[in-house]
Amino acid sequence: MSELKVALEDAAGEGIISSGQAERLLPYLAARNIGVLPAQALSSQHGQDDPNPLEDTEAPRFVRGFHDVLITIGVIVLLIGLWGLANRYAPILAIVVLAEILVRRQRLALPAVVLTVALAV
């Protein structure tokens, strides 16, 4: 809310609004969570003082949900099928392509472990 207060004071300083209007506008905007960051608005509504600090980082979690497990099962089935049906270079090509998509772009940790083990085998 301090950023909102500073913005209103700057607007009053530049003559866009009067200082009285800025003082009346601050509680009005704060009550409607305008100018407040979404995390601050949620914490003020739910009574949480410290949101999860890892939520906004790129730190991968090992399993983010059942979605990761299903993707991993699909990767395992695909690689077993390729090892059984194709020559020895097809699974390696599939591992490289899947690593690019699943690990580098989507940052999935569980499929990364499976692809690493498959490449080592």
PDB file of N, CA and C in Angstrom:
ATOM      1  N   MET A   1       0.820  -1.184   0.000  1.00  0.00           N
ATOM      2  CA  MET A   1       0.000   0.000   0.000  1.00  0.00           C
ATOM      3  C   MET A   1       0.867   1.252   0.000  1.00  0.00           C
ATOM      4  N   SER A   2       2.119   1.150   0.416  1.00  0.00           N
ATOM      5  CA  SER A   2       2.996   2.313   0.420  1.00  0.00           C
ATOM      6  C   SER A   2       3.256   2.799  -1.001  1.00  0.00           C
ATOM      7  N   GLU A   3       3.308   1.881  -1.972  1.00  0.00           N
ATOM      8  CA  GLU A   3       3.498   2.287  -3.359  1.00  0.00           C
ATOM      9  C   GLU A   3       2.291   3.075  -3.852  1.00  0.00           C
ATOM     10  N   LEU A   4       1.101   2.662  -3.418  1.00  0.00           N
ATOM     11  CA  LEU A   4      -0.108   3.380  -3.784  1.00  0.00           C
ATOM     12  C   LEU A   4      -0.088   4.779  -3.187  1.00  0.00           C
ATOM     13  N   LYS A   5       0.346   4.902  -1.943  1.00  0.00           N
ATOM     14  CA  LYS A   5       0.410   6.196  -1.273  1.00  0.00           C
ATOM     15  C   LYS A   5       1.418   7.101  -1.966  1.00  0.00           C
ATOM     16  N   VAL A   6       2.568   6.552  -2.334  1.00  0.00           N
ATOM     17  CA  VAL A   6       3.594   7.330  -3.033  1.00  0.00           C
ATOM     18  C   VAL A   6       3.076   7.788  -4.387  1.00  0.00           C
ATOM     19  N   ALA A   7       2.366   6.917  -5.097  1.00  0.00           N
ATOM     20  CA  ALA A   7       1.828   7.276  -6.403  1.00  0.00           C
ATOM     21  C   ALA A   7       0.798   8.397  -6.281  1.00  0.00           C
ATOM     22  N   LEU A   8      -0.045   8.314  -5.268  1.00  0.00           N
ATOM     23  CA  LEU A   8      -1.033   9.373  -5.071  1.00  0.00           C
ATOM     24  C   LEU A   8      -0.362  10.687  -4.668  1.00  0.00           C
ATOM     25  N   GLU A   9       0.675  10.627  -3.835  1.00  0.00           N
ATOM     26  CA  GLU A   9       1.401  11.843  -3.461  1.00  0.00           C
ATOM     27  C   GLU A   9       2.108  12.448  -4.663  1.00  0.00           C
ATOM     28  N   ASP A  10       2.660  11.612  -5.545  1.00  0.00           N
ATOM     29  CA  ASP A  10       3.292  12.117  -6.766  1.00  0.00           C
ATOM     30  C   ASP A  10       2.278  12.771  -7.683  1.00  0.00           C
ATOM     31  N   ALA A  11       1.094  12.147  -7.788  1.00  0.00           N
ATOM     32  CA  ALA A  11       0.036  12.738  -8.617  1.00  0.00           C
ATOM     33  C   ALA A  11      -0.403  14.074  -8.048  1.00  0.00           C
ATOM     34  N   ALA A  12      -0.462  14.191  -6.725  1.00  0.00           N
ATOM     35  CA  ALA A  12      -0.829  15.461  -6.104  1.00  0.00           C
ATOM     36  C   ALA A  12       0.283  16.489  -6.314  1.00  0.00           C
ATOM     37  N   GLY A  13       1.526  16.037  -6.260  1.00  0.00           N
ATOM     38  CA  GLY A  13       2.651  16.936  -6.470  1.00  0.00           C
ATOM     39  C   GLY A  13       2.709  17.483  -7.888  1.00  0.00           C
ATOM     40  N   GLU A  14       2.278  16.695  -8.849  1.00  0.00           N
ATOM     41  CA  GLU A  14       2.286  17.133 -10.241  1.00  0.00           C
ATOM     42  C   GLU A  14       1.029  17.911 -10.614  1.00  0.00           C
ATOM     43  N   GLY A  15       0.096  18.026  -9.692  1.00  0.00           N
ATOM     44  CA  GLY A  15      -1.108  18.812  -9.944  1.00  0.00           C
ATOM     45  C   GLY A  15      -2.213  18.051 -10.649  1.00  0.00           C
ATOM     46  N   ILE A  16      -2.095  16.734 -10.755  1.00  0.00           N
ATOM     47  CA  ILE A  16      -3.134  15.937 -11.401  1.00  0.00           C
ATOM     48  C   ILE A  16      -4.366  15.884 -10.505  1.00  0.00           C
ATOM     49  N   ILE A  17      -4.147  15.665  -9.217  1.00  0.00           N
ATOM     50  CA  ILE A  17      -5.219  15.700  -8.221  1.00  0.00           C
ATOM     51  C   ILE A  17      -4.744  16.559  -7.058  1.00  0.00           C
ATOM     52  N   SER A  18      -5.670  17.012  -6.253  1.00  0.00           N
ATOM     53  CA  SER A  18      -5.275  17.819  -5.095  1.00  0.00           C
ATOM     54  C   SER A  18      -4.838  16.897  -3.960  1.00  0.00           C
ATOM     55  N   SER A  19      -4.151  17.455  -2.968  1.00  0.00           N
ATOM     56  CA  SER A  19      -3.679  16.638  -1.850  1.00  0.00           C
ATOM     57  C   SER A  19      -4.856  16.114  -1.027  1.00  0.00           C
ATOM     58  N   GLY A  20      -5.927  16.874  -0.939  1.00  0.00           N
ATOM     59  CA  GLY A  20      -7.126  16.406  -0.242  1.00  0.00           C
ATOM     60  C   GLY A  20      -7.755  15.224  -0.951  1.00  0.00           C
ATOM     61  N   GLN A  21      -7.786  15.281  -2.278  1.00  0.00           N
ATOM     62  CA  GLN A  21      -8.311  14.157  -3.043  1.00  0.00           C
ATOM     63  C   GLN A  21      -7.432  12.924  -2.871  1.00  0.00           C
ATOM     64  N   ALA A  22      -6.134  13.116  -2.799  1.00  0.00           N
ATOM     65  CA  ALA A  22      -5.214  11.991  -2.612  1.00  0.00           C
ATOM     66  C   ALA A  22      -5.442  11.328  -1.262  1.00  0.00           C
ATOM     67  N   GLU A  23      -5.678  12.138  -0.209  1.00  0.00           N
ATOM     68  CA  GLU A  23      -5.925  11.587   1.119  1.00  0.00           C
ATOM     69  C   GLU A  23      -7.238  10.817   1.171  1.00  0.00           C
ATOM     70  N   ARG A  24      -8.265  11.302   0.471  1.00  0.00           N
ATOM     71  CA  ARG A  24      -9.552  10.609   0.458  1.00  0.00           C
ATOM     72  C   ARG A  24      -9.524   9.385  -0.454  1.00  0.00           C
ATOM     73  N   LEU A  25      -8.706   9.440  -1.503  1.00  0.00           N
ATOM     74  CA  LEU A  25      -8.655   8.346  -2.470  1.00  0.00           C
ATOM     75  C   LEU A  25      -7.884   7.138  -1.952  1.00  0.00           C
ATOM     76  N   LEU A  26      -6.905   7.356  -1.078  1.00  0.00           N
ATOM     77  CA  LEU A  26      -6.087   6.266  -0.568  1.00  0.00           C
ATOM     78  C   LEU A  26      -6.910   5.201   0.167  1.00  0.00           C
ATOM     79  N   PRO A  27      -7.751   5.531   1.151  1.00  0.00           N
ATOM     80  CA  PRO A  27      -8.530   4.473   1.811  1.00  0.00           C
ATOM     81  C   PRO A  27      -9.561   3.836   0.882  1.00  0.00           C
ATOM     82  N   TYR A  28     -10.077   4.617  -0.061  1.00  0.00           N
ATOM     83  CA  TYR A  28     -11.053   4.085  -1.008  1.00  0.00           C
ATOM     84  C   TYR A  28     -10.423   2.991  -1.878  1.00  0.00           C
ATOM     85  N   LEU A  29      -9.240   3.271  -2.423  1.00  0.00           N
ATOM     86  CA  LEU A  29      -8.565   2.286  -3.273  1.00  0.00           C
ATOM     87  C   LEU A  29      -8.051   1.098  -2.462  1.00  0.00           C
ATOM     88  N   ALA A  30      -7.580   1.350  -1.252  1.00  0.00           N
ATOM     89  CA  ALA A  30      -7.069   0.263  -0.411  1.00  0.00           C
ATOM     90  C   ALA A  30      -8.188  -0.682  -0.003  1.00  0.00           C
ATOM     91  N   ALA A  31      -9.384  -0.169   0.225  1.00  0.00           N
ATOM     92  CA  ALA A  31     -10.511  -1.022   0.611  1.00  0.00           C
ATOM     93  C   ALA A  31     -10.926  -1.945  -0.523  1.00  0.00           C
ATOM     94  N   ARG A  32     -10.678  -1.534  -1.744  1.00  0.00           N
ATOM     95  CA  ARG A  32     -11.049  -2.354  -2.907  1.00  0.00           C
ATOM     96  C   ARG A  32      -9.867  -3.113  -3.491  1.00  0.00           C
ATOM     97  N   ASN A  33      -8.738  -3.128  -2.772  1.00  0.00           N
ATOM     98  CA  ASN A  33      -7.508  -3.824  -3.179  1.00  0.00           C
ATOM     99  C   ASN A  33      -7.018  -3.383  -4.552  1.00  0.00           C
ATOM    100  N   ILE A  34      -7.194  -2.104  -4.860  1.00  0.00           N
ATOM    101  CA  ILE A  34      -6.680  -1.537  -6.104  1.00  0.00           C
ATOM    102  C   ILE A  34      -5.308  -0.966  -5.810  1.00  0.00           C
ATOM    103  N   GLY A  35      -4.327  -1.381  -6.588  1.00  0.00           N
ATOM    104  CA  GLY A  35      -2.968  -0.929  -6.357  1.00  0.00           C
ATOM    105  C   GLY A  35      -2.224  -1.800  -5.365  1.00  0.00           C
ATOM    106  N   VAL A  36      -2.863  -2.836  -4.851  1.00  0.00           N
ATOM    107  CA  VAL A  36      -2.230  -3.769  -3.932  1.00  0.00           C
ATOM    108  C   VAL A  36      -1.837  -4.994  -4.734  1.00  0.00           C
ATOM    109  N   LEU A  37      -0.647  -5.532  -4.486  1.00  0.00           N
ATOM    110  CA  LEU A  37      -0.209  -6.732  -5.190  1.00  0.00           C
ATOM    111  C   LEU A  37      -1.138  -7.894  -4.871  1.00  0.00           C
ATOM    112  N   PRO A  38      -1.359  -8.842  -5.799  1.00  0.00           N
ATOM    113  CA  PRO A  38      -2.267  -9.954  -5.544  1.00  0.00           C
ATOM    114  C   PRO A  38      -1.903 -10.772  -4.318  1.00  0.00           C
ATOM    115  N   ALA A  39      -0.618 -11.009  -4.070  1.00  0.00           N
ATOM    116  CA  ALA A  39      -0.231 -11.793  -2.888  1.00  0.00           C
ATOM    117  C   ALA A  39      -0.580 -11.045  -1.612  1.00  0.00           C
ATOM    118  N   GLN A  40      -0.418  -9.720  -1.626  1.00  0.00           N
ATOM    119  CA  GLN A  40      -0.772  -8.931  -0.452  1.00  0.00           C
ATOM    120  C   GLN A  40      -2.279  -8.927  -0.241  1.00  0.00           C
ATOM    121  N   ALA A  41      -3.034  -8.879  -1.340  1.00  0.00           N
ATOM    122  CA  ALA A  41      -4.486  -8.883  -1.210  1.00  0.00           C
ATOM    123  C   ALA A  41      -4.975 -10.207  -0.651  1.00  0.00           C
ATOM    124  N   LEU A  42      -4.386 -11.320  -1.102  1.00  0.00           N
ATOM    125  CA  LEU A  42      -4.801 -12.633  -0.596  1.00  0.00           C
ATOM    126  C   LEU A  42      -4.415 -12.806   0.862  1.00  0.00           C
ATOM    127  N   SER A  43      -3.224 -12.345   1.235  1.00  0.00           N
ATOM    128  CA  SER A  43      -2.806 -12.518   2.616  1.00  0.00           C
ATOM    129  C   SER A  43      -3.637 -11.649   3.552  1.00  0.00           C
ATOM    130  N   SER A  44      -4.069 -10.481   3.085  1.00  0.00           N
ATOM    131  CA  SER A  44      -4.892  -9.645   3.951  1.00  0.00           C
ATOM    132  C   SER A  44      -6.294 -10.215   4.091  1.00  0.00           C
ATOM    133  N   GLN A  45      -6.776 -10.935   3.075  1.00  0.00           N
ATOM    134  CA  GLN A  45      -8.105 -11.520   3.153  1.00  0.00           C
ATOM    135  C   GLN A  45      -8.107 -12.794   3.978  1.00  0.00           C
ATOM    136  N   HIS A  46      -7.062 -13.603   3.883  1.00  0.00           N
ATOM    137  CA  HIS A  46      -7.036 -14.906   4.541  1.00  0.00           C
ATOM    138  C   HIS A  46      -6.236 -14.908   5.838  1.00  0.00           C
ATOM    139  N   GLY A  47      -5.649 -13.799   6.201  1.00  0.00           N
ATOM    140  CA  GLY A  47      -4.936 -13.713   7.458  1.00  0.00           C
ATOM    141  C   GLY A  47      -3.559 -14.344   7.427  1.00  0.00           C
ATOM    142  N   GLN A  48      -2.981 -14.555   6.264  1.00  0.00           N
ATOM    143  CA  GLN A  48      -1.655 -15.132   6.166  1.00  0.00           C
ATOM    144  C   GLN A  48      -0.636 -14.002   6.115  1.00  0.00           C
ATOM    145  N   ASP A  49       0.360 -14.084   6.977  1.00  0.00           N
ATOM    146  CA  ASP A  49       1.371 -13.045   6.991  1.00  0.00           C
ATOM    147  C   ASP A  49       2.543 -13.373   6.076  1.00  0.00           C
ATOM    148  N   ASP A  50       2.886 -14.654   5.945  1.00  0.00           N
ATOM    149  CA  ASP A  50       4.055 -15.047   5.170  1.00  0.00           C
ATOM    150  C   ASP A  50       3.637 -16.009   4.068  1.00  0.00           C
ATOM    151  N   PRO A  51       3.490 -15.520   2.816  1.00  0.00           N
ATOM    152  CA  PRO A  51       3.157 -16.450   1.742  1.00  0.00           C
ATOM    153  C   PRO A  51       4.335 -17.372   1.462  1.00  0.00           C
ATOM    154  N   ASN A  52       4.082 -18.432   0.711  1.00  0.00           N
ATOM    155  CA  ASN A  52       5.112 -19.409   0.392  1.00  0.00           C
ATOM    156  C   ASN A  52       6.191 -18.749  -0.466  1.00  0.00           C
ATOM    157  N   PRO A  53       7.441 -18.666   0.008  1.00  0.00           N
ATOM    158  CA  PRO A  53       8.470 -17.975  -0.762  1.00  0.00           C
ATOM    159  C   PRO A  53       8.903 -18.740  -2.007  1.00  0.00           C
ATOM    160  N   LEU A  54       8.704 -20.053  -2.059  1.00  0.00           N
ATOM    161  CA  LEU A  54       9.118 -20.829  -3.232  1.00  0.00           C
ATOM    162  C   LEU A  54       8.075 -20.824  -4.336  1.00  0.00           C
ATOM    163  N   GLU A  55       6.906 -20.254  -4.091  1.00  0.00           N
ATOM    164  CA  GLU A  55       5.848 -20.265  -5.090  1.00  0.00           C
ATOM    165  C   GLU A  55       6.221 -19.459  -6.318  1.00  0.00           C
ATOM    166  N   ASP A  56       6.914 -18.346  -6.147  1.00  0.00           N
ATOM    167  CA  ASP A  56       7.211 -17.460  -7.260  1.00  0.00           C
ATOM    168  C   ASP A  56       8.594 -17.676  -7.844  1.00  0.00           C
ATOM    169  N   THR A  57       9.314 -18.695  -7.406  1.00  0.00           N
ATOM    170  CA  THR A  57      10.641 -18.943  -7.947  1.00  0.00           C
ATOM    171  C   THR A  57      10.570 -20.029  -9.003  1.00  0.00           C
ATOM    172  N   GLU A  58      11.691 -20.256  -9.638  1.00  0.00           N
ATOM    173  CA  GLU A  58      11.760 -21.311 -10.638  1.00  0.00           C
ATOM    174  C   GLU A  58      12.304 -22.603 -10.060  1.00  0.00           C
ATOM    175  N   ALA A  59      12.353 -22.717  -8.750  1.00  0.00           N
ATOM    176  CA  ALA A  59      12.848 -23.929  -8.120  1.00  0.00           C
ATOM    177  C   ALA A  59      11.880 -25.075  -8.401  1.00  0.00           C
ATOM    178  N   PRO A  60      12.345 -26.128  -9.071  1.00  0.00           N
ATOM    179  CA  PRO A  60      11.430 -27.215  -9.402  1.00  0.00           C
ATOM    180  C   PRO A  60      11.124 -28.079  -8.191  1.00  0.00           C
ATOM    181  N   ARG A  61       9.886 -28.480  -8.066  1.00  0.00           N
ATOM    182  CA  ARG A  61       9.522 -29.474  -7.068  1.00  0.00           C
ATOM    183  C   ARG A  61       9.605 -30.830  -7.749  1.00  0.00           C
ATOM    184  N   PHE A  62       9.876 -31.871  -6.970  1.00  0.00           N
ATOM    185  CA  PHE A  62      10.081 -33.185  -7.576  1.00  0.00           C
ATOM    186  C   PHE A  62       8.812 -33.689  -8.233  1.00  0.00           C
ATOM    187  N   VAL A  63       7.700 -33.696  -7.522  1.00  0.00           N
ATOM    188  CA  VAL A  63       6.423 -34.110  -8.097  1.00  0.00           C
ATOM    189  C   VAL A  63       5.418 -33.009  -7.787  1.00  0.00           C
ATOM    190  N   ARG A  64       4.915 -32.358  -8.843  1.00  0.00           N
ATOM    191  CA  ARG A  64       3.972 -31.273  -8.645  1.00  0.00           C
ATOM    192  C   ARG A  64       2.532 -31.752  -8.619  1.00  0.00           C
ATOM    193  N   GLY A  65       2.316 -33.001  -8.931  1.00  0.00           N
ATOM    194  CA  GLY A  65       0.966 -33.523  -8.930  1.00  0.00           C
ATOM    195  C   GLY A  65       0.898 -34.822  -9.714  1.00  0.00           C
ATOM    196  N   PHE A  66      -0.307 -35.307  -9.865  1.00  0.00           N
ATOM    197  CA  PHE A  66      -0.489 -36.565 -10.580  1.00  0.00           C
ATOM    198  C   PHE A  66      -0.170 -36.403 -12.057  1.00  0.00           C
ATOM    199  N   HIS A  67      -0.200 -35.181 -12.536  1.00  0.00           N
ATOM    200  CA  HIS A  67       0.153 -34.888 -13.922  1.00  0.00           C
ATOM    201  C   HIS A  67       1.576 -35.353 -14.231  1.00  0.00           C
ATOM    202  N   ASP A  68       2.505 -35.086 -13.329  1.00  0.00           N
ATOM    203  CA  ASP A  68       3.897 -35.522 -13.520  1.00  0.00           C
ATOM    204  C   ASP A  68       4.015 -37.038 -13.547  1.00  0.00           C
ATOM    205  N   VAL A  69       3.253 -37.708 -12.701  1.00  0.00           N
ATOM    206  CA  VAL A  69       3.291 -39.175 -12.651  1.00  0.00           C
ATOM    207  C   VAL A  69       2.776 -39.757 -13.961  1.00  0.00           C
ATOM    208  N   LEU A  70       1.691 -39.211 -14.485  1.00  0.00           N
ATOM    209  CA  LEU A  70       1.147 -39.713 -15.758  1.00  0.00           C
ATOM    210  C   LEU A  70       2.098 -39.462 -16.916  1.00  0.00           C
ATOM    211  N   ILE A  71       2.733 -38.312 -16.941  1.00  0.00           N
ATOM    212  CA  ILE A  71       3.713 -38.036 -17.997  1.00  0.00           C
ATOM    213  C   ILE A  71       4.877 -39.006 -17.892  1.00  0.00           C
ATOM    214  N   THR A  72       5.328 -39.281 -16.678  1.00  0.00           N
ATOM    215  CA  THR A  72       6.443 -40.201 -16.472  1.00  0.00           C
ATOM    216  C   THR A  72       6.080 -41.610 -16.927  1.00  0.00           C
ATOM    217  N   ILE A  73       4.875 -42.055 -16.616  1.00  0.00           N
ATOM    218  CA  ILE A  73       4.429 -43.381 -17.073  1.00  0.00           C
ATOM    219  C   ILE A  73       4.393 -43.425 -18.596  1.00  0.00           C
ATOM    220  N   GLY A  74       3.916 -42.359 -19.219  1.00  0.00           N
ATOM    221  CA  GLY A  74       3.894 -42.298 -20.677  1.00  0.00           C
ATOM    222  C   GLY A  74       5.284 -42.330 -21.283  1.00  0.00           C
ATOM    223  N   VAL A  75       6.222 -41.636 -20.663  1.00  0.00           N
ATOM    224  CA  VAL A  75       7.606 -41.631 -21.151  1.00  0.00           C
ATOM    225  C   VAL A  75       8.199 -43.032 -21.051  1.00  0.00           C
ATOM    226  N   ILE A  76       7.952 -43.714 -19.940  1.00  0.00           N
ATOM    227  CA  ILE A  76       8.481 -45.073 -19.755  1.00  0.00           C
ATOM    228  C   ILE A  76       7.907 -46.021 -20.800  1.00  0.00           C
ATOM    229  N   VAL A  77       6.598 -45.950 -21.030  1.00  0.00           N
ATOM    230  CA  VAL A  77       5.957 -46.828 -22.031  1.00  0.00           C
ATOM    231  C   VAL A  77       6.500 -46.529 -23.423  1.00  0.00           C
ATOM    232  N   LEU A  78       6.672 -45.263 -23.754  1.00  0.00           N
ATOM    233  CA  LEU A  78       7.201 -44.892 -25.065  1.00  0.00           C
ATOM    234  C   LEU A  78       8.619 -45.417 -25.257  1.00  0.00           C
ATOM    235  N   LEU A  79       9.466 -45.256 -24.252  1.00  0.00           N
ATOM    236  CA  LEU A  79      10.854 -45.699 -24.400  1.00  0.00           C
ATOM    237  C   LEU A  79      10.964 -47.215 -24.473  1.00  0.00           C
ATOM    238  N   ILE A  80      10.160 -47.931 -23.690  1.00  0.00           N
ATOM    239  CA  ILE A  80      10.166 -49.398 -23.774  1.00  0.00           C
ATOM    240  C   ILE A  80       9.705 -49.858 -25.147  1.00  0.00           C
ATOM    241  N   GLY A  81       8.671 -49.191 -25.677  1.00  0.00           N
ATOM    242  CA  GLY A  81       8.198 -49.533 -27.022  1.00  0.00           C
ATOM    243  C   GLY A  81       9.232 -49.262 -28.087  1.00  0.00           C
ATOM    244  N   LEU A  82       9.935 -48.135 -27.976  1.00  0.00           N
ATOM    245  CA  LEU A  82      10.973 -47.822 -28.961  1.00  0.00           C
ATOM    246  C   LEU A  82      12.141 -48.786 -28.879  1.00  0.00           C
ATOM    247  N   TRP A  83      12.526 -49.203 -27.657  1.00  0.00           N
ATOM    248  CA  TRP A  83      13.612 -50.159 -27.528  1.00  0.00           C
ATOM    249  C   TRP A  83      13.233 -51.505 -28.129  1.00  0.00           C
ATOM    250  N   GLY A  84      11.959 -51.843 -28.050  1.00  0.00           N
ATOM    251  CA  GLY A  84      11.527 -53.139 -28.590  1.00  0.00           C
ATOM    252  C   GLY A  84      11.310 -53.133 -30.089  1.00  0.00           C
ATOM    253  N   LEU A  85      10.875 -51.995 -30.645  1.00  0.00           N
ATOM    254  CA  LEU A  85      10.485 -51.970 -32.054  1.00  0.00           C
ATOM    255  C   LEU A  85      11.522 -51.345 -32.986  1.00  0.00           C
ATOM    256  N   ALA A  86      12.281 -50.401 -32.533  1.00  0.00           N
ATOM    257  CA  ALA A  86      13.168 -49.656 -33.422  1.00  0.00           C
ATOM    258  C   ALA A  86      14.627 -50.035 -33.179  1.00  0.00           C
ATOM    259  N   ASN A  87      15.497 -49.432 -33.964  1.00  0.00           N
ATOM    260  CA  ASN A  87      16.925 -49.697 -33.780  1.00  0.00           C
ATOM    261  C   ASN A  87      17.435 -48.994 -32.535  1.00  0.00           C
ATOM    262  N   ARG A  88      18.711 -49.095 -32.265  1.00  0.00           N
ATOM    263  CA  ARG A  88      19.229 -48.598 -30.990  1.00  0.00           C
ATOM    264  C   ARG A  88      19.360 -47.084 -30.944  1.00  0.00           C
ATOM    265  N   TYR A  89      19.257 -46.384 -32.058  1.00  0.00           N
ATOM    266  CA  TYR A  89      19.395 -44.930 -32.060  1.00  0.00           C
ATOM    267  C   TYR A  89      18.068 -44.201 -31.864  1.00  0.00           C
ATOM    268  N   ALA A  90      16.953 -44.834 -32.120  1.00  0.00           N
ATOM    269  CA  ALA A  90      15.639 -44.203 -31.966  1.00  0.00           C
ATOM    270  C   ALA A  90      15.337 -43.837 -30.504  1.00  0.00           C
ATOM    271  N   PRO A  91      15.607 -44.724 -29.542  1.00  0.00           N
ATOM    272  CA  PRO A  91      15.359 -44.316 -28.150  1.00  0.00           C
ATOM    273  C   PRO A  91      16.240 -43.146 -27.702  1.00  0.00           C
ATOM    274  N   ILE A  92      17.472 -43.088 -28.178  1.00  0.00           N
ATOM    275  CA  ILE A  92      18.356 -41.987 -27.805  1.00  0.00           C
ATOM    276  C   ILE A  92      17.836 -40.673 -28.370  1.00  0.00           C
ATOM    277  N   LEU A  93      17.364 -40.699 -29.604  1.00  0.00           N
ATOM    278  CA  LEU A  93      16.775 -39.509 -30.212  1.00  0.00           C
ATOM    279  C   LEU A  93      15.519 -39.081 -29.452  1.00  0.00           C
ATOM    280  N   ALA A  94      14.692 -40.049 -29.061  1.00  0.00           N
ATOM    281  CA  ALA A  94      13.479 -39.741 -28.298  1.00  0.00           C
ATOM    282  C   ALA A  94      13.823 -39.155 -26.935  1.00  0.00           C
ATOM    283  N   ILE A  95      14.868 -39.662 -26.290  1.00  0.00           N
ATOM    284  CA  ILE A  95      15.283 -39.135 -24.983  1.00  0.00           C
ATOM    285  C   ILE A  95      15.718 -37.680 -25.111  1.00  0.00           C
ATOM    286  N   VAL A  96      16.471 -37.362 -26.144  1.00  0.00           N
ATOM    287  CA  VAL A  96      16.934 -35.988 -26.339  1.00  0.00           C
ATOM    288  C   VAL A  96      15.763 -35.047 -26.612  1.00  0.00           C
ATOM    289  N   VAL A  97      14.829 -35.457 -27.448  1.00  0.00           N
ATOM    290  CA  VAL A  97      13.663 -34.621 -27.772  1.00  0.00           C
ATOM    291  C   VAL A  97      12.773 -34.438 -26.543  1.00  0.00           C
ATOM    292  N   LEU A  98      12.513 -35.531 -25.831  1.00  0.00           N
ATOM    293  CA  LEU A  98      11.675 -35.431 -24.631  1.00  0.00           C
ATOM    294  C   LEU A  98      12.349 -34.605 -23.536  1.00  0.00           C
ATOM    295  N   ALA A  99      13.667 -34.700 -23.434  1.00  0.00           N
ATOM    296  CA  ALA A  99      14.379 -33.896 -22.445  1.00  0.00           C
ATOM    297  C   ALA A  99      14.255 -32.413 -22.773  1.00  0.00           C
ATOM    298  N   GLU A 100      14.337 -32.071 -24.032  1.00  0.00           N
ATOM    299  CA  GLU A 100      14.180 -30.674 -24.433  1.00  0.00           C
ATOM    300  C   GLU A 100      12.795 -30.147 -24.055  1.00  0.00           C
ATOM    301  N   ILE A 101      11.782 -30.934 -24.325  1.00  0.00           N
ATOM    302  CA  ILE A 101      10.406 -30.483 -24.074  1.00  0.00           C
ATOM    303  C   ILE A 101      10.060 -30.519 -22.592  1.00  0.00           C
ATOM    304  N   LEU A 102      10.278 -31.666 -21.958  1.00  0.00           N
ATOM    305  CA  LEU A 102       9.790 -31.856 -20.592  1.00  0.00           C
ATOM    306  C   LEU A 102      10.690 -31.229 -19.530  1.00  0.00           C
ATOM    307  N   VAL A 103      11.985 -31.273 -19.751  1.00  0.00           N
ATOM    308  CA  VAL A 103      12.899 -30.802 -18.715  1.00  0.00           C
ATOM    309  C   VAL A 103      13.227 -29.331 -18.906  1.00  0.00           C
ATOM    310  N   ARG A 104      13.574 -28.960 -20.098  1.00  0.00           N
ATOM    311  CA  ARG A 104      14.031 -27.601 -20.316  1.00  0.00           C
ATOM    312  C   ARG A 104      12.889 -26.594 -20.383  1.00  0.00           C
ATOM    313  N   ARG A 105      11.825 -26.936 -21.071  1.00  0.00           N
ATOM    314  CA  ARG A 105      10.735 -25.974 -21.243  1.00  0.00           C
ATOM    315  C   ARG A 105       9.702 -26.036 -20.128  1.00  0.00           C
ATOM    316  N   GLN A 106       9.290 -27.251 -19.725  1.00  0.00           N
ATOM    317  CA  GLN A 106       8.251 -27.373 -18.710  1.00  0.00           C
ATOM    318  C   GLN A 106       8.798 -27.540 -17.301  1.00  0.00           C
ATOM    319  N   ARG A 107      10.106 -27.753 -17.162  1.00  0.00           N
ATOM    320  CA  ARG A 107      10.790 -27.886 -15.868  1.00  0.00           C
ATOM    321  C   ARG A 107      10.160 -28.966 -14.988  1.00  0.00           C
ATOM    322  N   LEU A 108       9.969 -30.146 -15.561  1.00  0.00           N
ATOM    323  CA  LEU A 108       9.428 -31.280 -14.816  1.00  0.00           C
ATOM    324  C   LEU A 108      10.586 -32.122 -14.294  1.00  0.00           C
ATOM    325  N   ALA A 109      10.621 -32.351 -12.988  1.00  0.00           N
ATOM    326  CA  ALA A 109      11.760 -33.028 -12.377  1.00  0.00           C
ATOM    327  C   ALA A 109      11.653 -34.548 -12.460  1.00  0.00           C
ATOM    328  N   LEU A 110      10.480 -35.111 -12.228  1.00  0.00           N
ATOM    329  CA  LEU A 110      10.331 -36.573 -12.235  1.00  0.00           C
ATOM    330  C   LEU A 110      10.621 -37.171 -13.619  1.00  0.00           C
ATOM    331  N   PRO A 111      10.084 -36.621 -14.712  1.00  0.00           N
ATOM    332  CA  PRO A 111      10.480 -37.132 -16.027  1.00  0.00           C
ATOM    333  C   PRO A 111      11.965 -36.928 -16.322  1.00  0.00           C
ATOM    334  N   ALA A 112      12.576 -35.897 -15.736  1.00  0.00           N
ATOM    335  CA  ALA A 112      14.012 -35.691 -15.938  1.00  0.00           C
ATOM    336  C   ALA A 112      14.811 -36.837 -15.348  1.00  0.00           C
ATOM    337  N   VAL A 113      14.400 -37.318 -14.183  1.00  0.00           N
ATOM    338  CA  VAL A 113      15.094 -38.437 -13.555  1.00  0.00           C
ATOM    339  C   VAL A 113      14.935 -39.700 -14.409  1.00  0.00           C
ATOM    340  N   VAL A 114      13.726 -39.936 -14.899  1.00  0.00           N
ATOM    341  CA  VAL A 114      13.478 -41.128 -15.728  1.00  0.00           C
ATOM    342  C   VAL A 114      14.275 -41.060 -17.025  1.00  0.00           C
ATOM    343  N   LEU A 115      14.329 -39.870 -17.634  1.00  0.00           N
ATOM    344  CA  LEU A 115      15.096 -39.744 -18.878  1.00  0.00           C
ATOM    345  C   LEU A 115      16.597 -39.907 -18.636  1.00  0.00           C
ATOM    346  N   THR A 116      17.072 -39.457 -17.498  1.00  0.00           N
ATOM    347  CA  THR A 116      18.489 -39.627 -17.161  1.00  0.00           C
ATOM    348  C   THR A 116      18.826 -41.105 -16.974  1.00  0.00           C
ATOM    349  N   VAL A 117      17.971 -41.817 -16.264  1.00  0.00           N
ATOM    350  CA  VAL A 117      18.188 -43.257 -16.063  1.00  0.00           C
ATOM    351  C   VAL A 117      18.112 -43.989 -17.397  1.00  0.00           C
ATOM    352  N   ALA A 118      17.158 -43.624 -18.248  1.00  0.00           N
ATOM    353  CA  ALA A 118      17.024 -44.268 -19.547  1.00  0.00           C
ATOM    354  C   ALA A 118      18.254 -44.009 -20.420  1.00  0.00           C
ATOM    355  N   LEU A 119      18.792 -42.825 -20.355  1.00  0.00           N
ATOM    356  CA  LEU A 119      19.985 -42.524 -21.138  1.00  0.00           C
ATOM    357  C   LEU A 119      21.191 -43.299 -20.612  1.00  0.00           C
ATOM    358  N   ALA A 120      21.259 -43.496 -19.300  1.00  0.00           N
ATOM    359  CA  ALA A 120      22.374 -44.254 -18.728  1.00  0.00           C
ATOM    360  C   ALA A 120      22.271 -45.749 -19.093  1.00  0.00           C
ATOM    361  N   VAL A 121      21.056 -46.250 -19.205  1.00  0.00           N
ATOM    362  CA  VAL A 121      20.872 -47.659 -19.570  1.00  0.00           C
ATOM    363  C   VAL A 121      21.221 -47.847 -21.012  1.00  0.00           C
TER     364      VAL A 121
END
